[in-house]
Protein backbone atom coordinates (compact mmCIF):
# COMPACT_ATOMS: atom_id res chain seq x y z
CA MET A 1 84.16 -105.00 -17.28
CA ARG A 2 80.93 -105.95 -19.05
CA ARG A 3 80.53 -108.78 -16.60
CA ARG A 4 80.83 -106.38 -13.65
CA GLN A 5 78.26 -104.08 -15.07
CA THR A 6 75.93 -106.97 -15.53
CA LEU A 7 76.43 -108.03 -11.95
CA VAL A 8 75.71 -104.47 -10.67
CA SER A 9 72.58 -104.26 -12.77
CA ARG A 10 71.38 -107.62 -11.39
CA LEU A 11 72.10 -106.59 -7.86
CA THR A 12 70.24 -103.23 -8.50
CA ILE A 13 67.22 -105.18 -9.78
CA VAL A 14 67.25 -107.52 -6.82
CA SER A 15 67.46 -104.55 -4.51
CA LEU A 16 64.57 -102.73 -6.23
CA LEU A 17 62.46 -106.03 -6.10
CA THR A 18 63.31 -106.27 -2.35
CA VAL A 19 62.08 -102.72 -1.66
CA PHE A 20 58.90 -103.39 -3.58
CA ALA A 21 58.32 -106.70 -1.73
CA LEU A 22 58.71 -104.98 1.53
CA LEU A 23 56.43 -102.17 0.59
CA ALA A 24 53.74 -104.60 -0.52
CA CYS A 25 54.14 -106.44 2.77
CA SER A 26 53.68 -103.21 4.82
CA GLU A 27 50.43 -102.30 2.87
CA PRO A 28 47.37 -103.53 4.75
CA ALA A 29 44.91 -105.84 3.14
CA GLN A 30 41.61 -104.45 1.92
CA PRO A 31 38.85 -104.43 4.69
CA THR A 32 36.62 -107.41 4.63
CA LEU A 33 33.86 -105.76 6.98
CA SER A 34 31.82 -102.59 6.32
CA LEU A 35 33.10 -99.69 8.30
CA TYR A 36 29.86 -99.56 10.29
CA ARG A 37 30.08 -103.04 11.31
CA ALA A 38 33.73 -102.73 12.13
CA VAL A 39 33.04 -99.77 14.40
CA HIS A 40 29.99 -101.35 16.16
CA ILE A 41 31.97 -104.45 17.09
CA GLY A 42 35.03 -102.55 18.03
CA ASP A 43 37.33 -104.10 15.31
CA LEU A 44 40.14 -101.49 15.22
CA ASP A 45 42.14 -103.52 12.58
CA GLN A 46 39.37 -103.31 10.09
CA VAL A 47 38.75 -99.62 10.90
CA LYS A 48 42.46 -98.88 10.34
CA ARG A 49 42.22 -100.70 6.89
CA HIS A 50 39.26 -98.59 5.94
CA LEU A 51 41.22 -95.42 6.95
CA TYR A 52 44.23 -96.53 4.90
CA TRP A 53 42.07 -97.25 1.85
CA HIS A 54 40.22 -93.90 2.09
CA THR A 55 36.79 -95.03 2.90
CA ASP A 56 34.45 -92.01 3.21
CA ILE A 57 34.28 -91.78 7.06
CA ASP A 58 31.39 -89.22 7.00
CA GLN A 59 29.16 -91.21 4.84
CA PRO A 60 25.94 -92.22 6.76
CA ASP A 61 24.70 -95.76 6.69
CA VAL A 62 21.06 -96.82 5.75
CA ASP A 63 19.89 -95.62 9.17
CA GLY A 64 21.50 -92.23 8.83
CA ASP A 65 24.26 -92.87 11.26
CA THR A 66 27.89 -91.93 10.43
CA PRO A 67 30.79 -94.15 11.71
CA LEU A 68 31.45 -91.44 14.40
CA HIS A 69 27.80 -91.67 15.63
CA VAL A 70 28.14 -95.34 15.90
CA ALA A 71 31.33 -95.00 17.82
CA ALA A 72 29.72 -92.37 20.22
CA GLN A 73 26.74 -94.57 20.92
CA ASN A 74 28.82 -97.65 21.70
CA GLY A 75 31.50 -95.93 23.62
CA LYS A 76 34.39 -96.83 21.29
CA VAL A 77 36.92 -94.20 22.41
CA THR A 78 40.00 -95.54 20.58
CA ILE A 79 38.07 -95.81 17.25
CA ALA A 80 36.53 -92.35 17.80
CA GLU A 81 40.06 -90.98 18.12
CA HIS A 82 41.19 -92.75 14.94
CA LEU A 83 38.18 -91.48 12.98
CA LEU A 84 38.59 -87.89 14.29
CA SER A 85 42.36 -87.82 13.66
CA HIS A 86 41.67 -88.96 10.04
CA GLY A 87 39.35 -86.03 9.44
CA ALA A 88 35.89 -87.23 10.52
CA ASN A 89 33.65 -84.24 11.07
CA PRO A 90 32.94 -83.98 14.93
CA ASP A 91 29.82 -81.87 14.30
CA VAL A 92 28.25 -84.19 11.48
CA LEU A 93 24.54 -84.70 11.92
CA ASP A 94 22.68 -88.00 11.87
CA ALA A 95 19.22 -88.57 10.35
CA SER A 96 17.62 -87.16 13.51
CA GLY A 97 19.81 -83.98 13.47
CA ARG A 98 21.99 -85.17 16.29
CA THR A 99 25.62 -84.53 16.66
CA PRO A 100 28.01 -87.31 17.74
CA LEU A 101 28.49 -85.30 21.12
CA GLU A 102 24.69 -85.42 21.73
CA VAL A 103 24.56 -89.10 21.04
CA ALA A 104 27.63 -89.89 23.28
CA LEU A 105 25.98 -87.95 26.16
CA ARG A 106 22.61 -89.40 25.48
CA PHE A 107 24.12 -92.92 26.09
CA GLY A 108 26.29 -91.84 29.00
CA LYS A 109 29.53 -92.40 26.92
CA THR A 110 31.42 -89.29 28.48
CA GLN A 111 34.85 -90.51 27.48
CA VAL A 112 33.93 -90.34 23.76
CA ALA A 113 32.21 -86.94 24.55
CA GLN A 114 35.51 -85.64 25.96
CA THR A 115 37.42 -86.93 22.85
CA LEU A 116 34.97 -85.02 20.59
CA VAL A 117 35.37 -81.84 22.63
CA GLU A 118 39.19 -82.17 22.37
CA HIS A 119 38.97 -82.58 18.58
CA GLY A 120 36.86 -79.42 18.15
CA ALA A 121 33.20 -80.46 18.54
CA ARG A 122 31.14 -77.45 19.25
CA ILE A 123 29.46 -77.70 22.69
CA ASP A 124 26.73 -75.61 24.28
CA PRO A 125 26.54 -77.36 27.71
CA GLN A 126 23.28 -75.39 28.87
CA ALA A 127 21.48 -76.18 25.71
CA LEU A 128 22.50 -79.81 25.81
CA LEU A 129 21.41 -80.18 29.39
CA LEU A 130 17.91 -79.03 28.51
CA GLU A 131 17.80 -81.00 25.37
CA LEU A 132 18.76 -84.29 27.12
CA VAL A 133 16.45 -83.62 30.15
CA GLY A 134 13.66 -83.10 27.64
CA GLN A 135 14.39 -86.56 26.35
CA GLY A 136 14.28 -88.15 29.81
CA ILE A 137 18.04 -88.77 30.15
CA SER A 138 19.07 -89.49 33.83
CA ASP A 139 22.73 -90.63 33.49
CA ARG A 140 24.84 -89.47 36.31
CA ASP A 141 28.03 -89.25 34.27
CA THR A 142 26.27 -87.16 31.68
CA PHE A 143 25.10 -84.62 34.19
CA SER A 144 28.52 -84.39 35.76
CA PHE A 145 30.18 -83.87 32.33
CA LEU A 146 27.71 -81.03 31.48
CA ALA A 147 28.13 -79.47 34.97
CA ARG A 148 31.99 -79.57 34.52
CA ASN A 149 31.70 -77.87 31.11
CA GLY A 150 29.60 -75.02 32.56
CA ALA A 151 25.88 -76.12 32.71
CA GLU A 152 23.83 -74.67 35.48
CA ILE A 153 21.15 -76.96 36.69
CA ASP A 154 18.68 -74.15 37.81
CA ARG A 155 19.23 -71.82 35.07
CA ALA A 156 16.09 -71.09 32.93
CA ASP A 157 15.92 -71.02 29.11
CA ASP A 158 14.50 -68.00 27.11
CA GLN A 159 11.08 -69.61 27.71
CA GLY A 160 11.55 -69.75 31.54
CA ARG A 161 11.89 -73.54 31.63
CA THR A 162 14.31 -75.01 34.04
CA SER A 163 15.70 -78.52 33.73
CA LEU A 164 13.49 -79.59 36.65
CA THR A 165 10.36 -78.24 35.28
CA LEU A 166 11.09 -79.82 31.91
CA ALA A 167 11.50 -83.11 33.54
CA ILE A 168 8.32 -82.85 35.41
CA GLN A 169 6.40 -81.80 32.36
CA GLY A 170 7.77 -84.82 30.47
CA GLY A 171 6.82 -87.15 33.39
CA TYR A 172 10.41 -88.39 33.70
CA LEU A 173 10.66 -89.64 37.19
CA ASP A 174 14.25 -90.88 37.02
CA THR A 175 15.34 -87.68 35.60
CA VAL A 176 13.52 -85.58 38.28
CA ASN A 177 15.16 -87.83 40.86
CA ARG A 178 18.70 -87.31 39.31
CA LEU A 179 18.17 -83.58 39.13
CA LEU A 180 17.22 -83.45 42.72
CA ILE A 181 20.30 -85.52 43.56
CA GLU A 182 22.51 -83.03 41.60
CA GLY A 183 21.04 -80.12 43.72
CA ALA A 184 18.21 -78.76 41.69
CA ASP A 185 16.22 -76.19 43.50
CA VAL A 186 12.84 -77.74 44.16
CA ASN A 187 11.18 -74.43 44.89
CA GLN A 188 12.49 -72.35 41.93
CA PRO A 189 9.44 -71.22 39.81
CA ASP A 190 9.60 -71.17 36.10
CA GLY A 191 9.31 -68.07 33.82
CA ARG A 192 5.52 -68.04 34.36
CA GLY A 193 5.82 -68.17 38.08
CA ARG A 194 4.73 -71.80 38.48
CA MET A 195 6.35 -73.96 41.22
CA PRO A 196 7.67 -77.40 40.28
CA LEU A 197 5.09 -79.03 42.60
CA ALA A 198 2.19 -77.09 41.16
CA ILE A 199 3.26 -78.18 37.70
CA ALA A 200 3.52 -81.96 38.90
CA LEU A 201 0.09 -81.68 40.65
CA LYS A 202 -1.63 -80.32 37.32
CA ARG A 203 -0.06 -82.89 35.03
CA SER A 204 -2.71 -85.13 33.54
CA ASP A 205 -0.71 -86.90 30.78
CA GLY A 206 1.55 -89.94 31.19
CA LYS A 207 1.18 -92.79 33.81
CA ALA A 208 -0.70 -91.85 36.96
CA THR A 209 1.61 -93.79 39.09
CA ASP A 210 4.65 -91.84 37.86
CA ARG A 211 2.83 -88.51 38.25
CA GLN A 212 2.05 -89.39 41.95
CA THR A 213 5.50 -90.62 42.63
CA ILE A 214 6.97 -87.41 41.14
CA VAL A 215 4.63 -85.43 43.49
CA GLU A 216 5.67 -87.45 46.47
CA LEU A 217 9.26 -87.14 45.56
CA LEU A 218 9.07 -83.31 45.27
CA GLN A 219 7.20 -83.13 48.56
CA ARG A 220 9.90 -85.32 50.45
CA ASN A 221 12.46 -82.88 49.20
CA GLY A 222 10.55 -79.86 50.71
CA ALA A 223 8.61 -78.72 47.70
CA ARG A 224 5.78 -76.03 48.06
CA SER A 225 3.02 -75.58 45.65
CA ARG A 226 2.93 -71.71 46.21
CA PRO A 227 5.81 -69.33 46.56
CA GLU A 228 6.42 -68.43 50.22
CA SER A 229 4.19 -65.51 51.18
CA ALA A 230 5.82 -62.25 52.49
CA ALA A 231 6.15 -62.19 56.12
CA ALA A 232 3.26 -60.54 57.76
CA PRO A 233 4.02 -57.33 59.51
CA THR A 234 4.60 -57.43 63.31
CA LEU A 235 1.89 -55.67 65.17
CA GLU A 236 3.27 -53.49 68.02
CA THR A 237 1.41 -53.61 71.41
CA PRO A 238 0.52 -50.20 72.53
CA GLU A 239 2.53 -49.07 75.46
CA THR A 240 0.68 -49.10 78.71
CA SER A 241 0.06 -45.50 79.78
CA LYS A 242 1.54 -44.57 82.98
């Protein structure tokens, strides 16, 4: 009986050791790269190790970028998904006050942008449109994404500025061209009644060549420097007396 108990005890110990060994084998190794480096180069295995070992995923690096900002800038959709699924803040700000969503759209990474929105990132498409236009962004996919989410290309802000007048004031030729391709009204005045072409003609900052090219681009698209005047009243010819 005693020998049987001893055998059972040994088998139990062996079983427990086997379980512990299996658990140890299933536990991932410690990461060997920083989380920021792993995200930048797209090393999903290293990212998963950081997530398993509870690295602070909202901690900014020396440049003020969080791992989610790095993923957004570099278009790392799968990594962004893993970070968000493990609790990364979708609205965290970088050192410049930008959210990961704004960074993604700034670099035309609309798949990451969509992932962020699906995980609860706050989005104001109209404000983002004007913000990005004011930075000279001209990416086609970014404009399409914002339009799908409700941005109106000709809608003015509370200062009367439209996306087109903002791009003209900034001297952003590529952005002006993109807005016209997307259907911006070349003859919509701003809140002060100024026509886009008039604004372009009065610009004195920036490169003279870009200024002239913007003027020519607007003119080719039918821009006027003044609003259409009201039609003159028709003068009736007096009837010939009989």
